[in-house]
C-alpha atoms as a PDB file:
ATOM      1  CA  MET A   1     219.490 117.018  37.471  1.00  0.00           C
ATOM      2  CA  LEU A   2     216.643 118.415  35.365  1.00  0.00           C
ATOM      3  CA  ALA A   3     213.256 119.358  36.828  1.00  0.00           C
ATOM      4  CA  ASN A   4     210.352 119.087  34.423  1.00  0.00           C
ATOM      5  CA  GLY A   5     207.002 120.592  35.463  1.00  0.00           C
ATOM      6  CA  ARG A   6     203.561 121.093  33.958  1.00  0.00           C
ATOM      7  CA  PHE A   7     200.927 123.682  34.885  1.00  0.00           C
ATOM      8  CA  VAL A   8     197.310 122.849  34.139  1.00  0.00           C
ATOM      9  CA  ASN A   9     194.253 125.099  34.205  1.00  0.00           C
ATOM     10  CA  PRO A  10     191.588 122.889  35.857  1.00  0.00           C
ATOM     11  CA  GLN A  11     188.740 124.868  34.281  1.00  0.00           C
ATOM     12  CA  THR A  12     189.862 124.521  30.668  1.00  0.00           C
ATOM     13  CA  HIS A  13     192.191 121.504  31.052  1.00  0.00           C
ATOM     14  CA  SER A  14     194.660 123.341  28.874  1.00  0.00           C
ATOM     15  CA  SER A  15     198.287 123.010  29.894  1.00  0.00           C
ATOM     16  CA  GLU A  16     201.634 124.623  29.401  1.00  0.00           C
ATOM     17  CA  SER A  17     204.881 122.632  29.576  1.00  0.00           C
ATOM     18  CA  LEU A  18     207.667 123.954  31.703  1.00  0.00           C
ATOM     19  CA  ALA A  19     211.242 122.708  31.747  1.00  0.00           C
ATOM     20  CA  VAL A  20     213.692 124.115  34.238  1.00  0.00           C
ATOM     21  CA  SER A  21     217.337 123.048  34.468  1.00  0.00           C
ATOM     22  CA  MET A  22     218.732 122.727  37.962  1.00  0.00           C
ATOM     23  CA  THR A  23     222.204 121.784  39.147  1.00  0.00           C
ATOM     24  CA  VAL A  24     222.463 119.419  42.057  1.00  0.00           C
ATOM     25  CA  ASP A  25     224.833 121.555  44.012  1.00  0.00           C
ATOM     26  CA  GLY A  26     223.184 124.866  43.196  1.00  0.00           C
ATOM     27  CA  ASN A  27     220.316 124.423  45.668  1.00  0.00           C
ATOM     28  CA  ILE A  28     217.890 125.897  43.155  1.00  0.00           C
ATOM     29  CA  THR A  29     214.449 124.869  44.358  1.00  0.00           C
ATOM     30  CA  ASN A  30     212.200 127.553  42.897  1.00  0.00           C
ATOM     31  CA  THR A  31     211.381 129.209  39.634  1.00  0.00           C
ATOM     32  CA  THR A  32     209.059 131.838  38.197  1.00  0.00           C
ATOM     33  CA  VAL A  33     206.309 130.951  35.758  1.00  0.00           C
ATOM     34  CA  ILE A  34     205.146 133.707  33.414  1.00  0.00           C
ATOM     35  CA  ASN A  35     202.383 134.279  30.886  1.00  0.00           C
ATOM     36  CA  LEU A  36     199.626 132.741  32.997  1.00  0.00           C
ATOM     37  CA  THR A  37     196.037 133.959  32.846  1.00  0.00           C
ATOM     38  CA  GLN A  38     194.742 136.326  35.502  1.00  0.00           C
ATOM     39  CA  LEU A  39     192.060 135.174  37.918  1.00  0.00           C
ATOM     40  CA  THR A  40     192.639 131.521  37.066  1.00  0.00           C
ATOM     41  CA  TRP A  41     193.230 128.406  39.146  1.00  0.00           C
ATOM     42  CA  TYR A  42     196.191 126.180  38.228  1.00  0.00           C
ATOM     43  CA  SER A  43     197.544 122.823  39.347  1.00  0.00           C
ATOM     44  CA  ALA A  44     201.322 122.352  39.326  1.00  0.00           C
ATOM     45  CA  TRP A  45     203.702 119.435  39.954  1.00  0.00           C
ATOM     46  CA  ILE A  46     207.377 118.689  39.479  1.00  0.00           C
ATOM     47  CA  VAL A  47     209.249 115.736  37.950  1.00  0.00           C
ATOM     48  CA  ALA A  48     212.938 115.301  38.778  1.00  0.00           C
ATOM     49  CA  VAL A  49     215.128 113.971  35.940  1.00  0.00           C
ATOM     50  CA  ASN A  50     218.618 112.502  36.015  1.00  0.00           C
ATOM     51  CA  VAL A  51     220.631 112.292  32.818  1.00  0.00           C
ATOM     52  CA  ARG A  52     222.753 109.178  32.431  1.00  0.00           C
ATOM     53  CA  GLU A  53     226.203 110.281  31.375  1.00  0.00           C
ATOM     54  CA  THR A  54     227.022 107.193  29.325  1.00  0.00           C
ATOM     55  CA  ASP A  55     224.215 107.544  26.808  1.00  0.00           C
ATOM     56  CA  GLY A  56     222.335 110.750  27.749  1.00  0.00           C
ATOM     57  CA  ILE A  57     219.118 108.915  28.581  1.00  0.00           C
ATOM     58  CA  GLN A  58     216.819 110.839  30.960  1.00  0.00           C
ATOM     59  CA  LEU A  59     215.668 108.966  34.057  1.00  0.00           C
ATOM     60  CA  ALA A  60     212.538 110.687  35.460  1.00  0.00           C
ATOM     61  CA  SER A  61     211.078 110.410  38.909  1.00  0.00           C
ATOM     62  CA  PRO A  62     207.352 110.007  39.568  1.00  0.00           C
ATOM     63  CA  PRO A  63     205.508 113.359  39.651  1.00  0.00           C
ATOM     64  CA  SER A  64     205.429 115.214  42.940  1.00  0.00           C
ATOM     65  CA  ASP A  65     202.191 115.912  44.754  1.00  0.00           C
ATOM     66  CA  ALA A  66     200.294 118.610  42.911  1.00  0.00           C
ATOM     67  CA  THR A  67     199.840 122.067  44.357  1.00  0.00           C
ATOM     68  CA  VAL A  68     196.894 124.280  43.437  1.00  0.00           C
ATOM     69  CA  PHE A  69     197.058 128.062  43.240  1.00  0.00           C
ATOM     70  CA  SER A  70     195.202 130.947  41.642  1.00  0.00           C
ATOM     71  CA  THR A  71     196.614 133.887  39.805  1.00  0.00           C
ATOM     72  CA  PRO A  72     195.642 137.333  41.062  1.00  0.00           C
ATOM     73  CA  GLY A  73     194.063 140.048  38.997  1.00  0.00           C
ATOM     74  CA  GLY A  74     193.408 143.737  39.161  1.00  0.00           C
ATOM     75  CA  PRO A  75     190.468 144.976  41.263  1.00  0.00           C
ATOM     76  CA  LEU A  76     187.189 143.973  39.665  1.00  0.00           C
ATOM     77  CA  SER A  77     184.789 146.824  39.127  1.00  0.00           C
ATOM     78  CA  ALA A  78     181.870 147.077  41.541  1.00  0.00           C
ATOM     79  CA  PRO A  79     178.143 147.221  40.758  1.00  0.00           C
ATOM     80  CA  ARG A  80     177.124 150.751  39.823  1.00  0.00           C
ATOM     81  CA  THR A  81     174.255 153.251  39.635  1.00  0.00           C
ATOM     82  CA  VAL A  82     172.687 152.228  42.936  1.00  0.00           C
ATOM     83  CA  ARG A  83     169.305 153.795  43.702  1.00  0.00           C
ATOM     84  CA  SER A  84     166.765 153.466  46.491  1.00  0.00           C
ATOM     85  CA  ASN A  85     163.064 154.055  46.915  1.00  0.00           C
ATOM     86  CA  ALA A  86     162.280 154.027  50.637  1.00  0.00           C
ATOM     87  CA  SER A  87     159.102 154.330  52.647  1.00  0.00           C
ATOM     88  CA  GLY A  88     158.848 154.418  56.419  1.00  0.00           C
ATOM     89  CA  ALA A  89     159.271 150.651  56.842  1.00  0.00           C
ATOM     90  CA  SER A  90     160.797 149.285  53.617  1.00  0.00           C
ATOM     91  CA  ALA A  91     163.228 150.161  50.836  1.00  0.00           C
ATOM     92  CA  VAL A  92     163.687 148.978  47.242  1.00  0.00           C
ATOM     93  CA  ILE A  93     167.363 148.928  46.179  1.00  0.00           C
ATOM     94  CA  THR A  94     168.297 148.736  42.479  1.00  0.00           C
ATOM     95  CA  TRP A  95     171.663 148.725  40.690  1.00  0.00           C
ATOM     96  CA  GLU A  96     173.409 148.048  37.372  1.00  0.00           C
ATOM     97  CA  ARG A  97     175.985 145.370  36.610  1.00  0.00           C
ATOM     98  CA  PRO A  98     179.721 146.146  36.791  1.00  0.00           C
ATOM     99  CA  LEU A  99     181.636 146.923  33.649  1.00  0.00           C
ATOM    100  CA  SER A 100     184.430 144.897  31.982  1.00  0.00           C
ATOM    101  CA  LEU A 101     184.358 141.686  34.000  1.00  0.00           C
ATOM    102  CA  PRO A 102     186.462 138.697  32.890  1.00  0.00           C
ATOM    103  CA  ARG A 103     183.754 136.147  33.736  1.00  0.00           C
ATOM    104  CA  PRO A 104     179.968 135.898  33.910  1.00  0.00           C
ATOM    105  CA  ILE A 105     178.169 136.975  37.085  1.00  0.00           C
ATOM    106  CA  THR A 106     176.260 134.259  38.919  1.00  0.00           C
ATOM    107  CA  TRP A 107     174.960 136.105  41.995  1.00  0.00           C
ATOM    108  CA  TYR A 108     174.779 139.474  43.695  1.00  0.00           C
ATOM    109  CA  ARG A 109     175.168 139.735  47.458  1.00  0.00           C
ATOM    110  CA  VAL A 110     173.251 142.662  48.962  1.00  0.00           C
ATOM    111  CA  SER A 111     173.353 143.544  52.662  1.00  0.00           C
ATOM    112  CA  TYR A 112     172.428 146.528  54.814  1.00  0.00           C
ATOM    113  CA  TYR A 113     172.899 147.857  58.327  1.00  0.00           C
ATOM    114  CA  ASN A 114     171.858 150.757  60.524  1.00  0.00           C
ATOM    115  CA  VAL A 115     174.454 153.527  60.145  1.00  0.00           C
ATOM    116  CA  SER A 116     174.274 154.347  63.858  1.00  0.00           C
ATOM    117  CA  SER A 117     175.130 150.750  64.844  1.00  0.00           C
ATOM    118  CA  ASP A 118     178.160 148.510  64.434  1.00  0.00           C
ATOM    119  CA  PRO A 119     178.766 147.957  60.662  1.00  0.00           C
ATOM    120  CA  SER A 120     179.837 144.370  61.371  1.00  0.00           C
ATOM    121  CA  LYS A 121     176.308 143.626  62.609  1.00  0.00           C
ATOM    122  CA  GLN A 122     174.601 143.403  59.257  1.00  0.00           C
ATOM    123  CA  ILE A 123     170.853 143.295  59.743  1.00  0.00           C
ATOM    124  CA  ASP A 124     170.050 141.293  56.634  1.00  0.00           C
ATOM    125  CA  TYR A 125     171.584 140.111  53.389  1.00  0.00           C
ATOM    126  CA  ARG A 126     170.259 138.513  50.226  1.00  0.00           C
ATOM    127  CA  TYR A 127     171.704 136.565  47.318  1.00  0.00           C
ATOM    128  CA  ILE A 128     170.122 137.658  44.042  1.00  0.00           C
ATOM    129  CA  ASN A 129     170.460 135.448  40.962  1.00  0.00           C
ATOM    130  CA  SER A 130     172.081 137.390  38.124  1.00  0.00           C
ATOM    131  CA  LYS A 131     169.283 136.276  35.790  1.00  0.00           C
ATOM    132  CA  HIS A 132     166.703 138.063  37.934  1.00  0.00           C
ATOM    133  CA  PRO A 133     166.084 141.837  37.967  1.00  0.00           C
ATOM    134  CA  LYS A 134     168.820 143.746  39.764  1.00  0.00           C
ATOM    135  CA  SER A 135     166.598 144.728  42.647  1.00  0.00           C
ATOM    136  CA  VAL A 136     165.936 143.765  46.247  1.00  0.00           C
ATOM    137  CA  THR A 137     163.378 144.935  48.812  1.00  0.00           C
ATOM    138  CA  PHE A 138     164.190 145.120  52.518  1.00  0.00           C
ATOM    139  CA  TYR A 139     161.273 145.110  54.948  1.00  0.00           C
ATOM    140  CA  HIS A 140     160.743 145.847  58.653  1.00  0.00           C
ATOM    141  CA  LEU A 141     162.977 148.917  58.638  1.00  0.00           C
ATOM    142  CA  ARG A 142     162.785 151.566  61.334  1.00  0.00           C
ATOM    143  CA  PRO A 143     161.185 154.856  60.303  1.00  0.00           C
ATOM    144  CA  TYR A 144     163.330 157.976  59.960  1.00  0.00           C
ATOM    145  CA  THR A 145     166.579 155.985  60.128  1.00  0.00           C
ATOM    146  CA  ASN A 146     169.792 156.105  58.096  1.00  0.00           C
ATOM    147  CA  TYR A 147     170.935 152.822  56.554  1.00  0.00           C
ATOM    148  CA  ARG A 148     173.858 151.758  54.378  1.00  0.00           C
ATOM    149  CA  THR A 149     173.651 149.000  51.793  1.00  0.00           C
ATOM    150  CA  LYS A 150     176.589 147.035  50.421  1.00  0.00           C
ATOM    151  CA  ILE A 151     176.441 145.299  47.028  1.00  0.00           C
ATOM    152  CA  LYS A 152     178.993 143.034  45.363  1.00  0.00           C
ATOM    153  CA  ALA A 153     178.886 140.648  42.425  1.00  0.00           C
ATOM    154  CA  ILE A 154     179.972 137.003  42.567  1.00  0.00           C
ATOM    155  CA  LEU A 155     181.476 135.623  39.365  1.00  0.00           C
ATOM    156  CA  GLU A 156     181.995 132.053  38.238  1.00  0.00           C
ATOM    157  CA  ASN A 157     184.528 130.110  40.343  1.00  0.00           C
ATOM    158  CA  GLU A 158     183.678 132.198  43.434  1.00  0.00           C
ATOM    159  CA  LEU A 159     185.442 135.362  42.279  1.00  0.00           C
ATOM    160  CA  TRP A 160     184.140 138.491  44.026  1.00  0.00           C
ATOM    161  CA  THR A 161     184.066 142.031  42.738  1.00  0.00           C
ATOM    162  CA  ARG A 162     184.661 145.093  44.829  1.00  0.00           C
ATOM    163  CA  SER A 163     181.709 146.290  46.883  1.00  0.00           C
ATOM    164  CA  VAL A 164     179.738 149.448  46.308  1.00  0.00           C
ATOM    165  CA  PHE A 165     178.253 151.249  49.322  1.00  0.00           C
ATOM    166  CA  TYR A 166     175.124 153.367  49.215  1.00  0.00           C
ATOM    167  CA  ASN A 167     173.367 155.317  51.967  1.00  0.00           C
ATOM    168  CA  PHE A 168     169.608 155.692  52.145  1.00  0.00           C
ATOM    169  CA  ALA A 169     167.092 156.879  54.731  1.00  0.00           C
ATOM    170  CA  THR A 170     163.588 155.740  55.550  1.00  0.00           C
ATOM    171  CA  LYS A 171     160.817 158.309  55.767  1.00  0.00           C
ATOM    172  CA  GLN A 172     158.937 159.552  58.787  1.00  0.00           C
ATOM    173  CA  THR A 173     155.750 157.817  59.862  1.00  0.00           C
ATOM    174  CA  ALA A 174     153.084 158.672  62.413  1.00  0.00           C
ATOM    175  CA  PRO A 175     154.405 158.677  65.978  1.00  0.00           C
ATOM    176  CA  SER A 176     153.038 156.465  68.699  1.00  0.00           C
ATOM    177  CA  PRO A 177     150.528 158.140  71.056  1.00  0.00           C
ATOM    178  CA  PRO A 178     151.727 160.526  73.774  1.00  0.00           C
ATOM    179  CA  GLN A 179     151.907 159.010  77.248  1.00  0.00           C
ATOM    180  CA  ASN A 180     151.026 159.791  80.861  1.00  0.00           C
ATOM    181  CA  LEU A 181     148.422 162.469  80.239  1.00  0.00           C
ATOM    182  CA  GLN A 182     147.420 164.149  83.519  1.00  0.00           C
ATOM    183  CA  ALA A 183     145.205 167.080  84.501  1.00  0.00           C
ATOM    184  CA  ILE A 184     145.969 169.303  87.507  1.00  0.00           C
ATOM    185  CA  ALA A 185     143.495 171.863  88.812  1.00  0.00           C
ATOM    186  CA  VAL A 186     144.495 175.496  88.709  1.00  0.00           C
ATOM    187  CA  ASP A 187     141.126 176.849  89.868  1.00  0.00           C
ATOM    188  CA  ALA A 188     137.453 176.060  89.314  1.00  0.00           C
ATOM    189  CA  ARG A 189     137.574 177.101  85.642  1.00  0.00           C
ATOM    190  CA  SER A 190     141.044 176.004  84.465  1.00  0.00           C
ATOM    191  CA  VAL A 191     143.446 173.055  84.556  1.00  0.00           C
ATOM    192  CA  THR A 192     147.015 172.360  83.511  1.00  0.00           C
ATOM    193  CA  LEU A 193     147.530 169.326  81.291  1.00  0.00           C
ATOM    194  CA  THR A 194     150.907 167.550  81.184  1.00  0.00           C
ATOM    195  CA  TRP A 195     152.044 164.504  79.212  1.00  0.00           C
ATOM    196  CA  SER A 196     155.128 162.620  78.049  1.00  0.00           C
ATOM    197  CA  PRO A 197     156.375 162.411  74.439  1.00  0.00           C
ATOM    198  CA  PRO A 198     155.574 159.322  72.369  1.00  0.00           C
ATOM    199  CA  LEU A 199     157.631 156.226  73.036  1.00  0.00           C
ATOM    200  CA  HIS A 200     158.411 156.045  69.298  1.00  0.00           C
ATOM    201  CA  ALA A 201     158.721 159.451  67.651  1.00  0.00           C
ATOM    202  CA  ASN A 202     159.277 157.900  64.168  1.00  0.00           C
ATOM    203  CA  GLY A 203     160.435 161.320  62.957  1.00  0.00           C
ATOM    204  CA  VAL A 204     160.590 164.897  64.226  1.00  0.00           C
ATOM    205  CA  LEU A 205     157.684 165.941  66.425  1.00  0.00           C
ATOM    206  CA  ARG A 206     156.212 169.222  65.190  1.00  0.00           C
ATOM    207  CA  GLN A 207     152.987 169.537  67.120  1.00  0.00           C
ATOM    208  CA  TYR A 208     150.640 168.219  69.778  1.00  0.00           C
ATOM    209  CA  ARG A 209     146.887 168.505  69.557  1.00  0.00           C
ATOM    210  CA  VAL A 210     144.794 168.520  72.707  1.00  0.00           C
ATOM    211  CA  TYR A 211     141.113 167.578  72.667  1.00  0.00           C
ATOM    212  CA  MET A 212     138.487 168.159  75.352  1.00  0.00           C
ATOM    213  CA  GLN A 213     134.937 166.901  75.776  1.00  0.00           C
ATOM    214  CA  PRO A 214     132.529 167.319  78.699  1.00  0.00           C
ATOM    215  CA  GLY A 215     131.254 164.091  80.184  1.00  0.00           C
ATOM    216  CA  ARG A 216     132.481 160.693  79.059  1.00  0.00           C
ATOM    217  CA  SER A 217     131.876 161.076  75.334  1.00  0.00           C
ATOM    218  CA  HIS A 218     134.344 159.437  72.976  1.00  0.00           C
ATOM    219  CA  PRO A 219     135.887 160.071  70.526  1.00  0.00           C
ATOM    220  CA  PRO A 220     136.447 163.828  70.633  1.00  0.00           C
ATOM    221  CA  THR A 221     135.239 166.137  67.898  1.00  0.00           C
ATOM    222  CA  GLY A 222     136.632 169.355  66.496  1.00  0.00           C
ATOM    223  CA  GLN A 223     140.160 170.401  65.649  1.00  0.00           C
ATOM    224  CA  GLY A 224     141.634 170.430  69.125  1.00  0.00           C
ATOM    225  CA  LYS A 225     143.997 172.962  70.661  1.00  0.00           C
ATOM    226  CA  ARG A 226     147.393 173.073  68.954  1.00  0.00           C
ATOM    227  CA  VAL A 227     150.708 173.057  70.813  1.00  0.00           C
ATOM    228  CA  ASP A 228     153.288 173.875  68.125  1.00  0.00           C
ATOM    229  CA  GLY A 229     157.026 173.396  68.106  1.00  0.00           C
ATOM    230  CA  SER A 230     159.608 175.121  65.910  1.00  0.00           C
ATOM    231  CA  PHE A 231     162.176 173.925  63.387  1.00  0.00           C
ATOM    232  CA  ASN A 232     164.803 173.258  66.079  1.00  0.00           C
ATOM    233  CA  LEU A 233     162.598 172.883  69.148  1.00  0.00           C
ATOM    234  CA  GLN A 234     160.039 170.210  69.895  1.00  0.00           C
ATOM    235  CA  PRO A 235     156.679 171.391  71.219  1.00  0.00           C
ATOM    236  CA  GLN A 236     156.124 171.611  74.949  1.00  0.00           C
ATOM    237  CA  THR A 237     154.366 168.795  76.750  1.00  0.00           C
ATOM    238  CA  ARG A 238     151.987 170.947  78.770  1.00  0.00           C
ATOM    239  CA  LEU A 239     148.993 173.200  78.156  1.00  0.00           C
ATOM    240  CA  ASN A 240     146.812 175.429  80.319  1.00  0.00           C
ATOM    241  CA  VAL A 241     143.100 175.065  79.536  1.00  0.00           C
ATOM    242  CA  SER A 242     140.692 177.727  80.776  1.00  0.00           C
ATOM    243  CA  GLY A 243     137.002 178.605  80.391  1.00  0.00           C
ATOM    244  CA  LEU A 244     135.760 175.421  82.033  1.00  0.00           C
ATOM    245  CA  THR A 245     132.590 175.018  84.069  1.00  0.00           C
ATOM    246  CA  PRO A 246     132.998 174.365  87.814  1.00  0.00           C
ATOM    247  CA  VAL A 247     132.093 170.946  89.187  1.00  0.00           C
ATOM    248  CA  THR A 248     131.950 169.373  85.723  1.00  0.00           C
ATOM    249  CA  LEU A 249     133.482 166.158  84.420  1.00  0.00           C
ATOM    250  CA  TYR A 250     135.806 166.609  81.429  1.00  0.00           C
ATOM    251  CA  ARG A 251     137.752 164.138  79.371  1.00  0.00           C
ATOM    252  CA  PHE A 252     141.057 165.111  77.691  1.00  0.00           C
ATOM    253  CA  TRP A 253     143.136 163.474  74.941  1.00  0.00           C
ATOM    254  CA  VAL A 254     146.348 164.433  73.164  1.00  0.00           C
ATOM    255  CA  GLN A 255     147.832 163.493  69.769  1.00  0.00           C
ATOM    256  CA  ALA A 256     151.375 163.867  68.393  1.00  0.00           C
ATOM    257  CA  VAL A 257     152.038 165.108  64.845  1.00  0.00           C
ATOM    258  CA  ASN A 258     155.003 164.638  62.501  1.00  0.00           C
ATOM    259  CA  VAL A 259     155.178 166.296  59.101  1.00  0.00           C
ATOM    260  CA  GLU A 260     156.667 164.672  55.985  1.00  0.00           C
ATOM    261  CA  ASP A 261     154.862 165.718  52.808  1.00  0.00           C
ATOM    262  CA  VAL A 262     151.628 165.500  54.766  1.00  0.00           C
ATOM    263  CA  GLU A 263     150.729 165.509  58.441  1.00  0.00           C
ATOM    264  CA  LEU A 264     151.386 162.186  60.147  1.00  0.00           C
ATOM    265  CA  ILE A 265     149.131 162.030  63.189  1.00  0.00           C
ATOM    266  CA  SER A 266     149.327 159.547  66.035  1.00  0.00           C
ATOM    267  CA  GLN A 267     146.403 157.783  67.568  1.00  0.00           C
ATOM    268  CA  LEU A 268     144.780 159.413  70.579  1.00  0.00           C
ATOM    269  CA  SER A 269     146.426 159.022  73.933  1.00  0.00           C
ATOM    270  CA  ARG A 270     144.628 157.364  76.767  1.00  0.00           C
ATOM    271  CA  PRO A 271     142.075 159.844  78.108  1.00  0.00           C
ATOM    272  CA  ALA A 272     142.523 161.797  81.319  1.00  0.00           C
ATOM    273  CA  ASN A 273     139.235 162.217  83.203  1.00  0.00           C
ATOM    274  CA  PHE A 274     139.007 165.257  85.431  1.00  0.00           C
ATOM    275  CA  THR A 275     136.241 166.983  87.408  1.00  0.00           C
ATOM    276  CA  THR A 276     136.704 170.689  87.978  1.00  0.00           C
ATOM    277  CA  ILE A 277     136.494 171.937  91.524  1.00  0.00           C
ATOM    278  CA  ALA A 278     133.747 174.153  92.935  1.00  0.00           C
ATOM    279  CA  GLU A 279     134.177 177.880  93.036  1.00  0.00           C
ATOM    280  CA  GLU A 280     134.920 179.290  96.423  1.00  0.00           C
ATOM    281  CA  MET A 281     131.938 181.020  97.974  1.00  0.00           C
ATOM    282  CA  VAL A 282     132.695 184.524  99.147  1.00  0.00           C
ATOM    283  CA  TYR A 283     130.552 185.755 101.998  1.00  0.00           C
ATOM    284  CA  SER A 284     130.260 189.348 103.081  1.00  0.00           C
ATOM    285  CA  GLU A 285     128.965 190.418 106.473  1.00  0.00           C
ATOM    286  CA  GLN A 286     126.102 192.868 106.501  1.00  0.00           C
END
């Protein structure tokens, strides 16, 4: 029996004939096809042929059902020269096309995720047409956060290149206001102020600024009293204020400060209203 097969490239409709001799009792039911094109889809089918001994005429069967397969290729190069330009809430990602690809690029797939979270939980992804600029902007990012972006190219016929990974970080922004500001009397002329850090630091807290005004005036004026931290230590969340007038209403506020290239200052906290106590009267007997 003779098996006659044909392999066809569906994209180009070009074909290559294949003839394989098989003996009936040899149980040969497979063969190797060589010289195919990498990264190409092919259709293949088999025709069984008997040879009539009396006159040598070949008697062929109908073709078998076709099978479709693709040939593998070496790893396709990834997009390259990735850059980022990030602010506190957005980032522009740019890249250059891969080198030496066997087919035209149709799309780029760009995704990103928070490095501190599960990489499988991609926050967002975009498909960028290859005819457009190789750039994408991601919005609504968290300030002072490390992200990783993943970029791959999609070629004609749904072929994918390798991915390139690139880490970037958003910048610091102003923190949210400090919380829970309270004033506790020490004596008639001094109080201790305490507060809680901002709910959203949005960076590294470097300083608190405390403001004081007599009466119910708003907003405060002046530079405020500074409560500084250090490079490795956040500033304390308390301050002793002295030199006050007894039995007087004061209003206190506090701000939080981050530092990027410039100072990033929060809005004022909710005020703490406090009336100093009266001085104790000291009587002496004559």
